[in-house]
Each structure stands twice: as C-alpha cells, then as structure tokens.
Amino acid sequence: MELQDRLKEIRDRLDNTQGGDWKYFKEGREHTGGSDFIMTGPWGSDERGEDLEITGATEGDMEFIGDAKSDIKHLLFIIETLQKNK
C-alpha cells in the first residue's frame, strides 16, 4: 500500500471518531465515584460524545487510548509538514 493511501485511511478513521480530543479519567485521580473512562470531547461542548468505558484495559491501555486521538493528529501534522517541505 502506498504511503498516501495509508495516511488517508488513518485520517479517515480519525475523522470518524466522536467528539473533540479525548481524555482519560481515572477513578480516584481525576474524579471519585464511578469507574475509569475516556471522555470524548470537552465537558459541556457541542463536540462532547459518549464516554468510553473499556473492560479489560490496563491503566496504560487507557492512557494510550485517551491520548491516541491527539497524538495521531499531531503525527499526521508532522508528516504532512515534512512532505510539503521536501
């Protein structure tokens, strides 16, 4: 698969996710009561989606997933910038 096709697939998956940037909330650290979850989109925003509750995930998994959307946006930006400056 060509690099541009792969980047388009990644961008399409990113664009099809809910909410704005995501954030991992660990019960006992960011909030009390309830469970660990990933908040999709900023609190009170029109971009706010459904919370993601994932069973079987380690704290590291939840941190990774919670940051994945913003990390991927950033990496795509870097790749696109490097390609433009070739």
C-alpha atoms as a PDB file:
ATOM      1  CA  MET A   1       0.000   0.000   0.000  1.00  0.00           C
ATOM      2  CA  GLU A   2       1.268   3.452  -0.896  1.00  0.00           C
ATOM      3  CA  LEU A   3       2.105   5.863   1.914  1.00  0.00           C
ATOM      4  CA  GLN A   4      -0.509   8.411   0.827  1.00  0.00           C
ATOM      5  CA  ASP A   5      -3.230   5.744   0.765  1.00  0.00           C
ATOM      6  CA  ARG A   6      -2.242   4.600   4.258  1.00  0.00           C
ATOM      7  CA  LEU A   7      -2.238   8.166   5.580  1.00  0.00           C
ATOM      8  CA  LYS A   8      -5.676   8.739   4.055  1.00  0.00           C
ATOM      9  CA  GLU A   9      -7.015   5.619   5.795  1.00  0.00           C
ATOM     10  CA  ILE A  10      -5.607   6.840   9.113  1.00  0.00           C
ATOM     11  CA  ARG A  11      -7.047  10.335   8.572  1.00  0.00           C
ATOM     12  CA  ASP A  12     -10.457   8.858   7.650  1.00  0.00           C
ATOM     13  CA  ARG A  13     -10.518   6.742  10.834  1.00  0.00           C
ATOM     14  CA  LEU A  14      -9.541   9.787  12.878  1.00  0.00           C
ATOM     15  CA  ASP A  15     -12.263  11.894  11.255  1.00  0.00           C
ATOM     16  CA  ASN A  16     -14.872   9.219  12.031  1.00  0.00           C
ATOM     17  CA  THR A  17     -14.267   9.251  15.790  1.00  0.00           C
ATOM     18  CA  GLN A  18     -16.675  11.015  18.120  1.00  0.00           C
ATOM     19  CA  GLY A  19     -16.084  14.245  19.962  1.00  0.00           C
ATOM     20  CA  GLY A  20     -13.096  16.529  20.111  1.00  0.00           C
ATOM     21  CA  ASP A  21      -9.913  15.460  21.831  1.00  0.00           C
ATOM     22  CA  TRP A  22     -10.272  12.665  24.356  1.00  0.00           C
ATOM     23  CA  LYS A  23      -9.093  12.494  27.965  1.00  0.00           C
ATOM     24  CA  TYR A  24      -8.650   9.558  30.300  1.00  0.00           C
ATOM     25  CA  PHE A  25     -10.319   9.960  33.702  1.00  0.00           C
ATOM     26  CA  LYS A  26      -9.068   7.568  36.370  1.00  0.00           C
ATOM     27  CA  GLU A  27     -11.410   6.987  39.290  1.00  0.00           C
ATOM     28  CA  GLY A  28      -9.703   8.243  42.428  1.00  0.00           C
ATOM     29  CA  ARG A  29      -7.350  10.536  40.478  1.00  0.00           C
ATOM     30  CA  GLU A  30      -9.496  12.876  38.314  1.00  0.00           C
ATOM     31  CA  HIS A  31     -12.834  12.027  39.880  1.00  0.00           C
ATOM     32  CA  THR A  32     -14.364   9.994  42.680  1.00  0.00           C
ATOM     33  CA  GLY A  33     -17.176   7.519  42.314  1.00  0.00           C
ATOM     34  CA  GLY A  34     -17.912   5.521  39.213  1.00  0.00           C
ATOM     35  CA  SER A  35     -15.282   3.923  37.040  1.00  0.00           C
ATOM     36  CA  ASP A  36     -12.353   4.755  34.810  1.00  0.00           C
ATOM     37  CA  PHE A  37     -13.466   6.164  31.453  1.00  0.00           C
ATOM     38  CA  ILE A  38     -12.364   8.175  28.447  1.00  0.00           C
ATOM     39  CA  MET A  39     -14.246  11.426  27.942  1.00  0.00           C
ATOM     40  CA  THR A  40     -14.776  12.251  24.279  1.00  0.00           C
ATOM     41  CA  GLY A  41     -14.820  15.966  23.635  1.00  0.00           C
ATOM     42  CA  PRO A  42     -14.653  18.794  26.156  1.00  0.00           C
ATOM     43  CA  TRP A  43     -17.171  18.897  29.023  1.00  0.00           C
ATOM     44  CA  GLY A  44     -20.230  20.985  28.097  1.00  0.00           C
ATOM     45  CA  SER A  45     -19.168  21.326  24.463  1.00  0.00           C
ATOM     46  CA  ASP A  46     -21.158  20.545  21.314  1.00  0.00           C
ATOM     47  CA  GLU A  47     -18.281  18.192  20.438  1.00  0.00           C
ATOM     48  CA  ARG A  48     -18.908  16.112  23.579  1.00  0.00           C
ATOM     49  CA  GLY A  49     -19.648  12.497  22.703  1.00  0.00           C
ATOM     50  CA  GLU A  50     -20.401   9.391  24.746  1.00  0.00           C
ATOM     51  CA  ASP A  51     -17.912   8.353  27.418  1.00  0.00           C
ATOM     52  CA  LEU A  52     -15.881   5.266  26.523  1.00  0.00           C
ATOM     53  CA  GLU A  53     -15.743   2.588  29.201  1.00  0.00           C
ATOM     54  CA  ILE A  54     -13.422  -0.241  28.271  1.00  0.00           C
ATOM     55  CA  THR A  55     -13.336  -3.517  30.138  1.00  0.00           C
ATOM     56  CA  GLY A  56     -10.120  -5.455  30.498  1.00  0.00           C
ATOM     57  CA  ALA A  57      -7.892  -2.451  29.824  1.00  0.00           C
ATOM     58  CA  THR A  58      -4.879  -1.695  31.966  1.00  0.00           C
ATOM     59  CA  GLU A  59      -4.194   1.839  33.160  1.00  0.00           C
ATOM     60  CA  GLY A  60      -1.526   2.050  30.445  1.00  0.00           C
ATOM     61  CA  ASP A  61      -4.056   0.972  27.804  1.00  0.00           C
ATOM     62  CA  MET A  62      -6.490   3.653  28.985  1.00  0.00           C
ATOM     63  CA  GLU A  63      -3.776   6.344  28.959  1.00  0.00           C
ATOM     64  CA  PHE A  64      -2.774   5.284  25.425  1.00  0.00           C
ATOM     65  CA  ILE A  65      -6.345   5.298  24.100  1.00  0.00           C
ATOM     66  CA  GLY A  66      -7.155   8.560  25.878  1.00  0.00           C
ATOM     67  CA  ASP A  67      -4.207  10.313  24.186  1.00  0.00           C
ATOM     68  CA  ALA A  68      -4.321   8.458  20.849  1.00  0.00           C
ATOM     69  CA  LYS A  69      -6.595  10.917  19.052  1.00  0.00           C
ATOM     70  CA  SER A  70      -4.483  13.994  19.807  1.00  0.00           C
ATOM     71  CA  ASP A  71      -1.240  12.032  19.260  1.00  0.00           C
ATOM     72  CA  ILE A  72      -2.404  10.856  15.816  1.00  0.00           C
ATOM     73  CA  LYS A  73      -3.497  14.382  14.838  1.00  0.00           C
ATOM     74  CA  HIS A  74      -0.071  15.654  15.827  1.00  0.00           C
ATOM     75  CA  LEU A  75       1.808  12.902  13.974  1.00  0.00           C
ATOM     76  CA  LEU A  76      -0.251  13.447  10.811  1.00  0.00           C
ATOM     77  CA  PHE A  77       0.508  17.183  11.021  1.00  0.00           C
ATOM     78  CA  ILE A  78       4.246  16.452  11.297  1.00  0.00           C
ATOM     79  CA  ILE A  79       4.165  14.024   8.355  1.00  0.00           C
ATOM     80  CA  GLU A  80       2.203  16.468   6.182  1.00  0.00           C
ATOM     81  CA  THR A  81       4.589  19.295   7.097  1.00  0.00           C
ATOM     82  CA  LEU A  82       7.638  17.192   6.258  1.00  0.00           C
ATOM     83  CA  GLN A  83       6.119  16.150   2.925  1.00  0.00           C
ATOM     84  CA  LYS A  84       5.406  19.783   1.998  1.00  0.00           C
ATOM     85  CA  ASN A  85       8.975  20.799   2.846  1.00  0.00           C
ATOM     86  CA  LYS A  86      10.659  18.080   0.752  1.00  0.00           C
END
